[in-house]
């Protein structure tokens, strides 16, 4: 299944499905499973590393590197969400809620915790 998906467009929902499937494999066989086995802490650390690499690529103006690093960021974010038990549907709902108001108003409405 994933070979077909890779040849076509992979959206975030398909990526999340791949991550769930690979999470059921052994950590020795699957990089995704090894990240998930480390829990949210390991997934968050790796996501942060990839985000920094994407920022560096963006600032340097290297579009090819930014494209590759963005793919890494999206993958590691999806792994982090899975490790933390947060669904993409929850994220989509939050994004939809935010579209009902201006960005400035939405940001001001957030509570700091």
N, C-alpha and C. Protein backbone atom coordinates (compact mmCIF):
# COMPACT_ATOMS: atom_id res chain seq x y z
N UNK A 1 0.81 -1.19 0.00
CA UNK A 1 0.00 0.00 0.00
C UNK A 1 0.85 1.25 0.00
N UNK A 2 1.85 1.32 0.85
CA UNK A 2 2.61 2.56 0.95
C UNK A 2 3.41 2.85 -0.31
N UNK A 3 3.82 1.82 -1.06
CA UNK A 3 4.55 2.07 -2.31
C UNK A 3 3.66 2.83 -3.29
N UNK A 4 2.39 2.48 -3.34
CA UNK A 4 1.45 3.19 -4.21
C UNK A 4 1.28 4.63 -3.73
N UNK A 5 1.15 4.80 -2.43
CA UNK A 5 0.98 6.14 -1.88
C UNK A 5 2.20 7.00 -2.19
N UNK A 6 3.39 6.45 -2.06
CA UNK A 6 4.61 7.21 -2.29
C UNK A 6 4.67 7.70 -3.74
N UNK A 7 4.20 6.91 -4.69
CA UNK A 7 4.23 7.31 -6.10
C UNK A 7 3.21 8.40 -6.40
N UNK A 8 2.19 8.50 -5.58
CA UNK A 8 1.18 9.52 -5.75
C UNK A 8 1.45 10.63 -4.74
N UNK A 9 0.49 11.48 -4.58
CA UNK A 9 0.61 12.56 -3.60
C UNK A 9 0.31 12.00 -2.20
N UNK A 10 1.19 12.28 -1.28
CA UNK A 10 1.00 11.86 0.10
C UNK A 10 0.49 13.06 0.89
N UNK A 11 -0.75 12.95 1.39
CA UNK A 11 -1.25 14.04 2.22
C UNK A 11 -1.04 13.69 3.69
N UNK A 12 -1.38 14.60 4.56
CA UNK A 12 -1.13 14.38 5.99
C UNK A 12 -1.93 13.20 6.53
N UNK A 13 -3.15 13.01 6.05
CA UNK A 13 -3.94 11.88 6.52
C UNK A 13 -3.29 10.55 6.12
N UNK A 14 -2.80 10.46 4.88
CA UNK A 14 -2.12 9.25 4.44
C UNK A 14 -0.84 9.04 5.25
N UNK A 15 -0.12 10.12 5.50
CA UNK A 15 1.10 10.02 6.30
C UNK A 15 0.78 9.51 7.70
N UNK A 16 -0.28 10.01 8.30
CA UNK A 16 -0.67 9.55 9.64
C UNK A 16 -1.00 8.06 9.63
N UNK A 17 -1.67 7.59 8.58
CA UNK A 17 -1.99 6.16 8.47
C UNK A 17 -0.72 5.32 8.37
N UNK A 18 0.24 5.79 7.60
CA UNK A 18 1.52 5.08 7.47
C UNK A 18 2.21 5.00 8.82
N UNK A 19 2.20 6.10 9.56
CA UNK A 19 2.85 6.14 10.87
C UNK A 19 2.19 5.17 11.84
N UNK A 20 0.87 5.12 11.84
CA UNK A 20 0.16 4.16 12.70
C UNK A 20 0.56 2.74 12.33
N UNK A 21 0.58 2.43 11.04
CA UNK A 21 0.93 1.08 10.60
C UNK A 21 2.36 0.72 10.99
N UNK A 22 3.27 1.63 10.77
CA UNK A 22 4.68 1.34 11.08
C UNK A 22 4.93 1.31 12.58
N UNK A 23 4.09 1.98 13.33
CA UNK A 23 4.21 1.95 14.79
C UNK A 23 3.98 0.56 15.35
N UNK A 24 3.30 -0.29 14.59
CA UNK A 24 3.06 -1.66 15.02
C UNK A 24 4.21 -2.61 14.72
N UNK A 25 5.23 -2.13 14.04
CA UNK A 25 6.39 -2.95 13.73
C UNK A 25 7.40 -2.88 14.88
N UNK A 26 8.45 -3.63 14.79
CA UNK A 26 9.48 -3.58 15.83
C UNK A 26 10.37 -2.36 15.61
N UNK A 27 10.92 -1.87 16.71
CA UNK A 27 11.81 -0.71 16.64
C UNK A 27 13.06 -1.02 15.84
N UNK A 28 13.46 -2.28 15.81
CA UNK A 28 14.64 -2.67 15.03
C UNK A 28 14.35 -2.59 13.54
N UNK A 29 13.11 -2.83 13.16
CA UNK A 29 12.74 -2.86 11.74
C UNK A 29 12.32 -1.48 11.23
N UNK A 30 11.72 -0.67 12.09
CA UNK A 30 11.09 0.57 11.64
C UNK A 30 11.61 1.77 12.43
N UNK A 31 12.09 2.77 11.70
CA UNK A 31 12.52 4.03 12.32
C UNK A 31 11.34 4.69 13.02
N UNK A 32 10.18 4.66 12.37
CA UNK A 32 8.98 5.24 12.97
C UNK A 32 8.66 4.56 14.30
N UNK A 33 8.70 3.24 14.32
CA UNK A 33 8.42 2.50 15.55
C UNK A 33 9.43 2.86 16.64
N UNK A 34 10.69 3.06 16.26
CA UNK A 34 11.70 3.41 17.26
C UNK A 34 11.43 4.80 17.84
N UNK A 35 10.97 5.73 17.02
CA UNK A 35 10.61 7.05 17.53
C UNK A 35 9.42 6.96 18.48
N UNK A 36 8.39 6.22 18.06
CA UNK A 36 7.20 6.09 18.89
C UNK A 36 7.50 5.38 20.21
N UNK A 37 8.43 4.42 20.18
CA UNK A 37 8.80 3.71 21.40
C UNK A 37 9.43 4.65 22.42
N UNK A 38 10.04 5.72 21.94
CA UNK A 38 10.65 6.70 22.84
C UNK A 38 9.66 7.68 23.43
N UNK A 39 8.40 7.57 23.03
CA UNK A 39 7.36 8.43 23.58
C UNK A 39 7.43 9.85 23.06
N UNK A 40 6.55 10.70 23.59
CA UNK A 40 6.50 12.08 23.14
C UNK A 40 7.82 12.83 23.31
N UNK A 41 8.59 12.47 24.33
CA UNK A 41 9.85 13.17 24.57
C UNK A 41 10.82 12.98 23.40
N UNK A 42 10.99 11.74 22.97
CA UNK A 42 11.92 11.47 21.86
C UNK A 42 11.39 12.06 20.56
N UNK A 43 10.09 11.91 20.33
CA UNK A 43 9.49 12.46 19.11
C UNK A 43 9.61 13.98 19.09
N UNK A 44 9.41 14.62 20.23
CA UNK A 44 9.50 16.09 20.30
C UNK A 44 10.93 16.56 20.05
N UNK A 45 11.88 15.84 20.60
CA UNK A 45 13.29 16.22 20.39
C UNK A 45 13.64 16.15 18.91
N UNK A 46 13.25 15.08 18.26
CA UNK A 46 13.57 14.92 16.84
C UNK A 46 12.83 15.96 16.00
N UNK A 47 11.57 16.24 16.35
CA UNK A 47 10.81 17.27 15.64
C UNK A 47 11.52 18.62 15.76
N UNK A 48 11.98 18.95 16.94
CA UNK A 48 12.69 20.21 17.15
C UNK A 48 13.95 20.31 16.32
N UNK A 49 14.70 19.22 16.26
CA UNK A 49 15.93 19.20 15.45
C UNK A 49 15.60 19.47 13.98
N UNK A 50 14.57 18.80 13.49
CA UNK A 50 14.20 18.97 12.08
C UNK A 50 13.66 20.37 11.81
N UNK A 51 12.94 20.94 12.76
CA UNK A 51 12.42 22.31 12.58
C UNK A 51 13.57 23.31 12.47
N UNK A 52 14.59 23.14 13.29
CA UNK A 52 15.75 24.02 13.22
C UNK A 52 16.44 23.88 11.87
N UNK A 53 16.57 22.66 11.38
CA UNK A 53 17.18 22.45 10.07
C UNK A 53 16.36 23.12 8.96
N UNK A 54 15.04 23.11 9.08
CA UNK A 54 14.19 23.78 8.09
C UNK A 54 14.38 25.29 8.15
N UNK A 55 14.50 25.84 9.34
CA UNK A 55 14.73 27.28 9.49
C UNK A 55 16.06 27.66 8.84
N UNK A 56 17.08 26.88 9.08
CA UNK A 56 18.40 27.16 8.50
C UNK A 56 18.32 27.13 6.97
N UNK A 57 17.62 26.14 6.43
CA UNK A 57 17.48 26.04 4.98
C UNK A 57 16.71 27.24 4.43
N UNK A 58 15.68 27.68 5.13
CA UNK A 58 14.89 28.83 4.67
C UNK A 58 15.71 30.10 4.67
N UNK A 59 16.46 30.31 5.74
CA UNK A 59 17.27 31.53 5.86
C UNK A 59 18.38 31.54 4.82
N UNK A 60 18.90 30.36 4.50
CA UNK A 60 19.99 30.29 3.51
C UNK A 60 19.49 30.46 2.08
N UNK A 61 18.17 30.38 1.89
CA UNK A 61 17.61 30.53 0.55
C UNK A 61 17.71 29.29 -0.31
N UNK A 62 18.03 28.15 0.30
CA UNK A 62 18.18 26.90 -0.44
C UNK A 62 16.82 26.21 -0.54
N UNK A 63 16.14 26.40 -1.67
CA UNK A 63 14.78 25.88 -1.82
C UNK A 63 14.74 24.35 -1.80
N UNK A 64 15.73 23.71 -2.40
CA UNK A 64 15.75 22.24 -2.40
C UNK A 64 15.91 21.70 -0.98
N UNK A 65 16.81 22.32 -0.23
CA UNK A 65 17.01 21.89 1.16
C UNK A 65 15.76 22.18 1.99
N UNK A 66 15.14 23.33 1.76
CA UNK A 66 13.93 23.67 2.51
C UNK A 66 12.81 22.68 2.19
N UNK A 67 12.70 22.28 0.94
CA UNK A 67 11.69 21.30 0.56
C UNK A 67 11.92 19.98 1.29
N UNK A 68 13.16 19.51 1.29
CA UNK A 68 13.49 18.25 1.96
C UNK A 68 13.28 18.35 3.47
N UNK A 69 13.72 19.46 4.05
CA UNK A 69 13.57 19.63 5.50
C UNK A 69 12.11 19.79 5.89
N UNK A 70 11.31 20.41 5.03
CA UNK A 70 9.88 20.54 5.32
C UNK A 70 9.22 19.17 5.35
N UNK A 71 9.61 18.29 4.43
CA UNK A 71 9.10 16.92 4.46
C UNK A 71 9.47 16.25 5.78
N UNK A 72 10.71 16.45 6.23
CA UNK A 72 11.14 15.90 7.53
C UNK A 72 10.31 16.47 8.67
N UNK A 73 10.07 17.79 8.64
CA UNK A 73 9.28 18.43 9.69
C UNK A 73 7.87 17.86 9.73
N UNK A 74 7.22 17.75 8.58
CA UNK A 74 5.86 17.23 8.54
C UNK A 74 5.80 15.79 9.04
N UNK A 75 6.76 14.97 8.62
CA UNK A 75 6.82 13.58 9.08
C UNK A 75 7.00 13.53 10.60
N UNK A 76 7.98 14.27 11.11
CA UNK A 76 8.26 14.22 12.55
C UNK A 76 7.14 14.85 13.37
N UNK A 77 6.44 15.84 12.83
CA UNK A 77 5.27 16.39 13.51
C UNK A 77 4.17 15.33 13.60
N UNK A 78 3.95 14.61 12.51
CA UNK A 78 2.94 13.55 12.52
C UNK A 78 3.30 12.45 13.52
N UNK A 79 4.58 12.11 13.62
CA UNK A 79 5.03 11.14 14.62
C UNK A 79 4.79 11.68 16.02
N UNK A 80 5.13 12.94 16.24
CA UNK A 80 4.92 13.56 17.55
C UNK A 80 3.44 13.55 17.94
N UNK A 81 2.58 13.91 17.01
CA UNK A 81 1.14 13.88 17.30
C UNK A 81 0.69 12.48 17.68
N UNK A 82 1.14 11.47 16.95
CA UNK A 82 0.79 10.08 17.25
C UNK A 82 1.32 9.69 18.63
N UNK A 83 2.55 10.04 18.92
CA UNK A 83 3.15 9.69 20.22
C UNK A 83 2.42 10.36 21.38
N UNK A 84 1.89 11.55 21.13
CA UNK A 84 1.21 12.31 22.17
C UNK A 84 -0.30 12.03 22.22
N UNK A 85 -0.78 11.21 21.30
CA UNK A 85 -2.20 10.87 21.30
C UNK A 85 -3.11 11.98 20.79
N UNK A 86 -2.58 12.82 19.91
CA UNK A 86 -3.36 13.91 19.32
C UNK A 86 -3.66 13.55 17.87
N UNK A 87 -4.92 13.59 17.49
CA UNK A 87 -5.29 13.22 16.12
C UNK A 87 -5.22 14.42 15.19
N UNK A 88 -5.04 14.13 13.91
CA UNK A 88 -5.10 15.20 12.91
C UNK A 88 -6.48 15.83 12.88
N UNK A 89 -7.52 15.06 13.15
CA UNK A 89 -8.87 15.63 13.19
C UNK A 89 -8.96 16.72 14.25
N UNK A 90 -8.30 16.51 15.39
CA UNK A 90 -8.28 17.55 16.44
C UNK A 90 -7.56 18.80 15.93
N UNK A 91 -6.47 18.61 15.22
CA UNK A 91 -5.71 19.74 14.68
C UNK A 91 -6.54 20.45 13.61
N UNK A 92 -7.19 19.68 12.73
CA UNK A 92 -8.03 20.29 11.70
C UNK A 92 -9.17 21.09 12.33
N UNK A 93 -9.77 20.56 13.40
CA UNK A 93 -10.85 21.28 14.08
C UNK A 93 -10.36 22.59 14.67
N UNK A 94 -9.16 22.57 15.23
CA UNK A 94 -8.59 23.79 15.80
C UNK A 94 -8.31 24.82 14.70
N UNK A 95 -7.79 24.35 13.58
CA UNK A 95 -7.55 25.27 12.46
C UNK A 95 -8.86 25.86 11.95
N UNK A 96 -9.90 25.04 11.86
CA UNK A 96 -11.20 25.54 11.42
C UNK A 96 -11.75 26.57 12.40
N UNK A 97 -11.59 26.32 13.69
CA UNK A 97 -12.06 27.27 14.69
C UNK A 97 -11.36 28.61 14.53
N UNK A 98 -10.08 28.55 14.22
CA UNK A 98 -9.31 29.79 14.10
C UNK A 98 -9.65 30.59 12.85
N UNK A 99 -10.19 29.95 11.84
CA UNK A 99 -10.53 30.69 10.62
C UNK A 99 -11.76 31.57 10.80
N UNK A 100 -12.46 31.41 11.91
CA UNK A 100 -13.66 32.20 12.17
C UNK A 100 -13.35 33.58 12.74
N UNK A 101 -12.08 33.87 12.99
CA UNK A 101 -11.72 35.17 13.55
C UNK A 101 -10.38 35.61 12.97
N UNK A 102 -10.05 36.86 13.17
CA UNK A 102 -8.76 37.35 12.66
C UNK A 102 -7.62 36.71 13.44
N UNK A 103 -6.47 36.65 12.82
CA UNK A 103 -5.30 36.09 13.48
C UNK A 103 -4.92 36.84 14.74
N UNK A 104 -5.03 38.17 14.70
CA UNK A 104 -4.70 38.96 15.89
C UNK A 104 -5.67 38.67 17.03
N UNK A 105 -6.96 38.59 16.72
CA UNK A 105 -7.96 38.31 17.75
C UNK A 105 -7.78 36.91 18.31
N UNK A 106 -7.49 35.95 17.43
CA UNK A 106 -7.28 34.57 17.89
C UNK A 106 -6.09 34.50 18.82
N UNK A 107 -5.00 35.13 18.44
CA UNK A 107 -3.80 35.08 19.27
C UNK A 107 -4.05 35.74 20.63
N UNK A 108 -4.77 36.84 20.64
CA UNK A 108 -5.07 37.53 21.90
C UNK A 108 -5.99 36.71 22.79
N UNK A 109 -6.80 35.82 22.18
CA UNK A 109 -7.75 35.03 22.97
C UNK A 109 -7.11 33.83 23.66
N UNK A 110 -5.92 33.46 23.26
CA UNK A 110 -5.26 32.29 23.86
C UNK A 110 -4.88 32.59 25.30
N UNK A 111 -5.04 31.59 26.13
CA UNK A 111 -4.60 31.74 27.52
C UNK A 111 -3.19 31.19 27.64
N UNK A 112 -2.42 31.83 28.42
CA UNK A 112 -1.04 31.36 28.66
C UNK A 112 -1.08 30.36 29.79
N UNK A 113 -0.34 29.26 29.62
CA UNK A 113 -0.37 28.25 30.66
C UNK A 113 0.97 27.71 30.98
